[in-house]
Amino acid sequence: MRCALVLMCVLLAGCQTVNNQQKPQDLRSVLSEVKRSFNVQDARVKYCPVCGKHYSGHLETCPDDHAKLVPIE
């Protein structure tokens, strides 16, 4: 019984109210971020020919070697 009461208090203490009135421009920026996250080019994996490490598709050069990254087909 005590355990359930403590758990309920902890869960209720973490609750916050959410402002449901968002501006249209905020919604547009969220939608553009979601679209960008599903970009096919970003989903591709690239590798560095110098060190052989794999990186995300949105990078152009290796952060360590500064070599041009090559896409993995």
Protein backbone atom coordinates (compact mmCIF):
# COMPACT_ATOMS: atom_id res chain seq x y z
CA MET A 1 0.00 0.00 0.00
CA ARG A 2 2.77 2.44 0.93
CA CYS A 3 4.71 1.51 -2.17
CA ALA A 4 1.73 2.30 -4.39
CA LEU A 5 1.19 5.62 -2.60
CA VAL A 6 4.85 6.60 -3.00
CA LEU A 7 4.82 5.59 -6.67
CA MET A 8 1.68 7.65 -7.28
CA CYS A 9 3.22 10.69 -5.57
CA VAL A 10 6.40 10.41 -7.64
CA LEU A 11 4.45 10.11 -10.88
CA LEU A 12 2.17 13.05 -10.04
CA ALA A 13 5.10 15.21 -8.99
CA GLY A 14 6.62 14.84 -12.46
CA CYS A 15 3.44 15.87 -14.29
CA GLN A 16 3.36 19.25 -15.98
CA THR A 17 0.70 21.09 -17.87
CA VAL A 18 1.20 21.50 -21.60
CA ASN A 19 0.29 24.59 -23.55
CA ASN A 20 -1.87 23.31 -26.40
CA GLN A 21 -2.04 26.70 -28.10
CA GLN A 22 0.93 26.61 -30.46
CA LYS A 23 1.57 29.18 -33.14
CA PRO A 24 1.25 27.98 -36.76
CA GLN A 25 4.86 28.89 -37.45
CA ASP A 26 5.95 26.63 -34.58
CA LEU A 27 4.01 23.76 -36.11
CA ARG A 28 5.60 24.45 -39.50
CA SER A 29 9.08 24.31 -38.02
CA VAL A 30 8.28 21.03 -36.27
CA LEU A 31 6.95 19.55 -39.51
CA SER A 32 10.03 20.63 -41.42
CA GLU A 33 12.26 19.01 -38.79
CA VAL A 34 10.28 15.78 -39.06
CA LYS A 35 10.56 15.84 -42.85
CA ARG A 36 14.29 16.49 -42.60
CA SER A 37 14.71 13.54 -40.24
CA PHE A 38 13.20 11.25 -42.87
CA ASN A 39 15.42 12.55 -45.67
CA VAL A 40 16.66 9.59 -47.73
CA GLN A 41 20.07 11.18 -48.27
CA ASP A 42 20.62 11.49 -44.52
CA ALA A 43 19.70 7.83 -44.06
CA ARG A 44 22.63 6.74 -46.23
CA VAL A 45 25.85 5.79 -44.54
CA LYS A 46 29.20 7.18 -45.63
CA TYR A 47 32.68 6.04 -44.73
CA CYS A 48 36.07 7.67 -44.58
CA PRO A 49 38.58 6.12 -47.02
CA VAL A 50 41.45 7.17 -44.75
CA CYS A 51 40.41 5.81 -41.34
CA GLY A 52 37.51 3.54 -42.38
CA LYS A 53 35.01 4.94 -39.86
CA HIS A 54 31.32 5.16 -40.78
CA TYR A 55 29.34 8.41 -40.57
CA SER A 56 25.87 9.76 -41.21
CA GLY A 57 24.89 10.73 -44.74
CA HIS A 58 24.56 14.44 -43.99
CA LEU A 59 28.31 14.81 -43.35
CA GLU A 60 30.61 15.64 -46.25
CA THR A 61 34.04 15.32 -44.64
CA CYS A 62 35.52 13.13 -41.91
CA PRO A 63 35.70 15.02 -38.60
CA ASP A 64 39.02 13.34 -37.75
CA ASP A 65 40.90 13.27 -41.07
CA HIS A 66 39.03 15.98 -43.03
CA ALA A 67 38.90 13.59 -45.99
CA LYS A 68 35.87 13.54 -48.30
CA LEU A 69 33.42 10.85 -47.18
CA VAL A 70 32.33 8.19 -49.69
CA PRO A 71 28.74 6.85 -49.70
CA ILE A 72 28.24 3.15 -49.09
CA GLU A 73 26.02 1.71 -51.82
